[in-house]
Amino acid sequence: MSTGNASAHMLYIASSAIADRQRDARDRSQVALARRTRVSRFSRR
């Protein structure tokens, strides 16, 4: 395996890990937002 290939592979791993982390953060914020709207909807009743 050439060094250029190895660095490209590491870059791919790092970028995919960052994308996964961003996706997790987005899912968590959407869940929190949904929970907040649900709670406010219940309290209004």
PDB file of N, CA and C in Angstrom:
ATOM      1  N   MET A   1       0.849  -1.192   0.000  1.00  0.00           N
ATOM      2  CA  MET A   1       0.000   0.000   0.000  1.00  0.00           C
ATOM      3  C   MET A   1       0.888   1.247   0.000  1.00  0.00           C
ATOM      4  N   SER A   2       0.610   2.190  -0.882  1.00  0.00           N
ATOM      5  CA  SER A   2       1.429   3.393  -0.948  1.00  0.00           C
ATOM      6  C   SER A   2       1.025   4.371   0.154  1.00  0.00           C
ATOM      7  N   THR A   3       1.932   5.291   0.480  1.00  0.00           N
ATOM      8  CA  THR A   3       1.644   6.238   1.552  1.00  0.00           C
ATOM      9  C   THR A   3       0.501   7.175   1.149  1.00  0.00           C
ATOM     10  N   GLY A   4       0.431   7.545  -0.133  1.00  0.00           N
ATOM     11  CA  GLY A   4      -0.649   8.409  -0.597  1.00  0.00           C
ATOM     12  C   GLY A   4      -1.996   7.728  -0.413  1.00  0.00           C
ATOM     13  N   ASN A   5      -2.037   6.434  -0.710  1.00  0.00           N
ATOM     14  CA  ASN A   5      -3.262   5.661  -0.562  1.00  0.00           C
ATOM     15  C   ASN A   5      -3.667   5.599   0.910  1.00  0.00           C
ATOM     16  N   ALA A   6      -2.673   5.406   1.786  1.00  0.00           N
ATOM     17  CA  ALA A   6      -2.958   5.302   3.218  1.00  0.00           C
ATOM     18  C   ALA A   6      -3.513   6.627   3.748  1.00  0.00           C
ATOM     19  N   SER A   7      -2.913   7.751   3.338  1.00  0.00           N
ATOM     20  CA  SER A   7      -3.391   9.042   3.838  1.00  0.00           C
ATOM     21  C   SER A   7      -4.797   9.331   3.313  1.00  0.00           C
ATOM     22  N   ALA A   8      -5.070   8.947   2.074  1.00  0.00           N
ATOM     23  CA  ALA A   8      -6.408   9.153   1.522  1.00  0.00           C
ATOM     24  C   ALA A   8      -7.421   8.307   2.297  1.00  0.00           C
ATOM     25  N   HIS A   9      -7.006   7.094   2.668  1.00  0.00           N
ATOM     26  CA  HIS A   9      -7.892   6.211   3.422  1.00  0.00           C
ATOM     27  C   HIS A   9      -8.167   6.796   4.808  1.00  0.00           C
ATOM     28  N   MET A  10      -7.132   7.347   5.455  1.00  0.00           N
ATOM     29  CA  MET A  10      -7.312   7.958   6.774  1.00  0.00           C
ATOM     30  C   MET A  10      -8.240   9.169   6.659  1.00  0.00           C
ATOM     31  N   LEU A  11      -8.078   9.939   5.588  1.00  0.00           N
ATOM     32  CA  LEU A  11      -8.927  11.110   5.381  1.00  0.00           C
ATOM     33  C   LEU A  11     -10.383  10.681   5.224  1.00  0.00           C
ATOM     34  N   TYR A  12     -10.594   9.583   4.486  1.00  0.00           N
ATOM     35  CA  TYR A  12     -11.949   9.060   4.285  1.00  0.00           C
ATOM     36  C   TYR A  12     -12.559   8.622   5.615  1.00  0.00           C
ATOM     37  N   ILE A  13     -11.760   7.918   6.435  1.00  0.00           N
ATOM     38  CA  ILE A  13     -12.250   7.460   7.745  1.00  0.00           C
ATOM     39  C   ILE A  13     -12.615   8.664   8.613  1.00  0.00           C
ATOM     40  N   ALA A  14     -11.731   9.676   8.628  1.00  0.00           N
ATOM     41  CA  ALA A  14     -11.970  10.857   9.463  1.00  0.00           C
ATOM     42  C   ALA A  14     -13.229  11.595   9.005  1.00  0.00           C
ATOM     43  N   SER A  15     -13.387  11.772   7.690  1.00  0.00           N
ATOM     44  CA  SER A  15     -14.543  12.516   7.186  1.00  0.00           C
ATOM     45  C   SER A  15     -15.843  11.759   7.459  1.00  0.00           C
ATOM     46  N   SER A  16     -15.816  10.438   7.334  1.00  0.00           N
ATOM     47  CA  SER A  16     -17.032   9.661   7.594  1.00  0.00           C
ATOM     48  C   SER A  16     -17.373   9.697   9.081  1.00  0.00           C
ATOM     49  N   ALA A  17     -16.348   9.696   9.947  1.00  0.00           N
ATOM     50  CA  ALA A  17     -16.591   9.763  11.388  1.00  0.00           C
ATOM     51  C   ALA A  17     -17.206  11.113  11.743  1.00  0.00           C
ATOM     52  N   ILE A  18     -16.710  12.182  11.123  1.00  0.00           N
ATOM     53  CA  ILE A  18     -17.252  13.520  11.376  1.00  0.00           C
ATOM     54  C   ILE A  18     -18.701  13.596  10.892  1.00  0.00           C
ATOM     55  N   ALA A  19     -18.973  13.002   9.726  1.00  0.00           N
ATOM     56  CA  ALA A  19     -20.338  13.017   9.189  1.00  0.00           C
ATOM     57  C   ALA A  19     -21.280  12.266  10.126  1.00  0.00           C
ATOM     58  N   ASP A  20     -20.818  11.128  10.665  1.00  0.00           N
ATOM     59  CA  ASP A  20     -21.642  10.360  11.602  1.00  0.00           C
ATOM     60  C   ASP A  20     -21.934  11.186  12.849  1.00  0.00           C
ATOM     61  N   ARG A  21     -20.909  11.910  13.351  1.00  0.00           N
ATOM     62  CA  ARG A  21     -21.094  12.705  14.558  1.00  0.00           C
ATOM     63  C   ARG A  21     -22.103  13.823  14.297  1.00  0.00           C
ATOM     64  N   GLN A  22     -21.997  14.459  13.124  1.00  0.00           N
ATOM     65  CA  GLN A  22     -22.943  15.530  12.796  1.00  0.00           C
ATOM     66  C   GLN A  22     -24.358  14.983  12.673  1.00  0.00           C
ATOM     67  N   ARG A  23     -24.484  13.780  12.083  1.00  0.00           N
ATOM     68  CA  ARG A  23     -25.809  13.173  11.936  1.00  0.00           C
ATOM     69  C   ARG A  23     -26.393  12.861  13.313  1.00  0.00           C
ATOM     70  N   ASP A  24     -25.550  12.357  14.228  1.00  0.00           N
ATOM     71  CA  ASP A  24     -26.021  12.056  15.582  1.00  0.00           C
ATOM     72  C   ASP A  24     -26.499  13.330  16.267  1.00  0.00           C
ATOM     73  N   ALA A  25     -25.732  14.412  16.124  1.00  0.00           N
ATOM     74  CA  ALA A  25     -26.096  15.672  16.761  1.00  0.00           C
ATOM     75  C   ALA A  25     -27.412  16.194  16.195  1.00  0.00           C
ATOM     76  N   ARG A  26     -27.595  16.050  14.869  1.00  0.00           N
ATOM     77  CA  ARG A  26     -28.824  16.528  14.242  1.00  0.00           C
ATOM     78  C   ARG A  26     -30.019  15.728  14.738  1.00  0.00           C
ATOM     79  N   ASP A  27     -29.855  14.401  14.826  1.00  0.00           N
ATOM     80  CA  ASP A  27     -30.947  13.548  15.305  1.00  0.00           C
ATOM     81  C   ASP A  27     -31.301  13.902  16.746  1.00  0.00           C
ATOM     82  N   ARG A  28     -30.270  14.119  17.580  1.00  0.00           N
ATOM     83  CA  ARG A  28     -30.507  14.423  18.985  1.00  0.00           C
ATOM     84  C   ARG A  28     -31.259  15.743  19.121  1.00  0.00           C
ATOM     85  N   SER A  29     -30.856  16.762  18.334  1.00  0.00           N
ATOM     86  CA  SER A  29     -31.518  18.064  18.432  1.00  0.00           C
ATOM     87  C   SER A  29     -32.959  17.973  17.940  1.00  0.00           C
ATOM     88  N   GLN A  30     -33.208  17.175  16.893  1.00  0.00           N
ATOM     89  CA  GLN A  30     -34.584  17.017  16.401  1.00  0.00           C
ATOM     90  C   GLN A  30     -35.450  16.316  17.433  1.00  0.00           C
ATOM     91  N   VAL A  31     -34.893  15.321  18.120  1.00  0.00           N
ATOM     92  CA  VAL A  31     -35.643  14.606  19.154  1.00  0.00           C
ATOM     93  C   VAL A  31     -35.962  15.562  20.297  1.00  0.00           C
ATOM     94  N   ALA A  32     -34.985  16.384  20.684  1.00  0.00           N
ATOM     95  CA  ALA A  32     -35.210  17.342  21.766  1.00  0.00           C
ATOM     96  C   ALA A  32     -36.271  18.360  21.358  1.00  0.00           C
ATOM     97  N   LEU A  33     -36.220  18.801  20.105  1.00  0.00           N
ATOM     98  CA  LEU A  33     -37.198  19.772  19.614  1.00  0.00           C
ATOM     99  C   LEU A  33     -38.599  19.165  19.611  1.00  0.00           C
ATOM    100  N   ALA A  34     -38.711  17.919  19.138  1.00  0.00           N
ATOM    101  CA  ALA A  34     -40.011  17.248  19.110  1.00  0.00           C
ATOM    102  C   ALA A  34     -40.548  17.079  20.521  1.00  0.00           C
ATOM    103  N   ARG A  35     -39.669  16.717  21.456  1.00  0.00           N
ATOM    104  CA  ARG A  35     -40.103  16.525  22.834  1.00  0.00           C
ATOM    105  C   ARG A  35     -40.582  17.852  23.413  1.00  0.00           C
ATOM    106  N   ARG A  36     -39.868  18.955  23.100  1.00  0.00           N
ATOM    107  CA  ARG A  36     -40.235  20.258  23.632  1.00  0.00           C
ATOM    108  C   ARG A  36     -41.603  20.683  23.100  1.00  0.00           C
ATOM    109  N   THR A  37     -41.834  20.494  21.795  1.00  0.00           N
ATOM    110  CA  THR A  37     -43.125  20.898  21.222  1.00  0.00           C
ATOM    111  C   THR A  37     -44.244  20.025  21.768  1.00  0.00           C
ATOM    112  N   ARG A  38     -43.953  18.741  21.983  1.00  0.00           N
ATOM    113  CA  ARG A  38     -44.969  17.837  22.518  1.00  0.00           C
ATOM    114  C   ARG A  38     -45.346  18.267  23.938  1.00  0.00           C
ATOM    115  N   VAL A  39     -44.354  18.616  24.747  1.00  0.00           N
ATOM    116  CA  VAL A  39     -44.611  19.027  26.129  1.00  0.00           C
ATOM    117  C   VAL A  39     -45.415  20.326  26.144  1.00  0.00           C
ATOM    118  N   SER A  40     -45.047  21.284  25.290  1.00  0.00           N
ATOM    119  CA  SER A  40     -45.779  22.552  25.272  1.00  0.00           C
ATOM    120  C   SER A  40     -47.211  22.342  24.784  1.00  0.00           C
ATOM    121  N   ARG A  41     -47.409  21.400  23.862  1.00  0.00           N
ATOM    122  CA  ARG A  41     -48.750  21.120  23.362  1.00  0.00           C
ATOM    123  C   ARG A  41     -49.618  20.516  24.468  1.00  0.00           C
ATOM    124  N   PHE A  42     -49.006  19.642  25.281  1.00  0.00           N
ATOM    125  CA  PHE A  42     -49.756  19.030  26.383  1.00  0.00           C
ATOM    126  C   PHE A  42     -50.091  20.074  27.451  1.00  0.00           C
ATOM    127  N   SER A  43     -49.155  20.951  27.750  1.00  0.00           N
ATOM    128  CA  SER A  43     -49.382  21.931  28.813  1.00  0.00           C
ATOM    129  C   SER A  43     -50.438  22.953  28.393  1.00  0.00           C
ATOM    130  N   ARG A  44     -50.591  23.174  27.085  1.00  0.00           N
ATOM    131  CA  ARG A  44     -51.576  24.135  26.619  1.00  0.00           C
ATOM    132  C   ARG A  44     -52.990  23.609  26.839  1.00  0.00           C
ATOM    133  N   ARG A  45     -53.152  22.288  26.790  1.00  0.00           N
ATOM    134  CA  ARG A  45     -54.477  21.698  26.907  1.00  0.00           C
ATOM    135  C   ARG A  45     -55.066  21.860  28.305  1.00  0.00           C
TER     136      ARG A  45
END
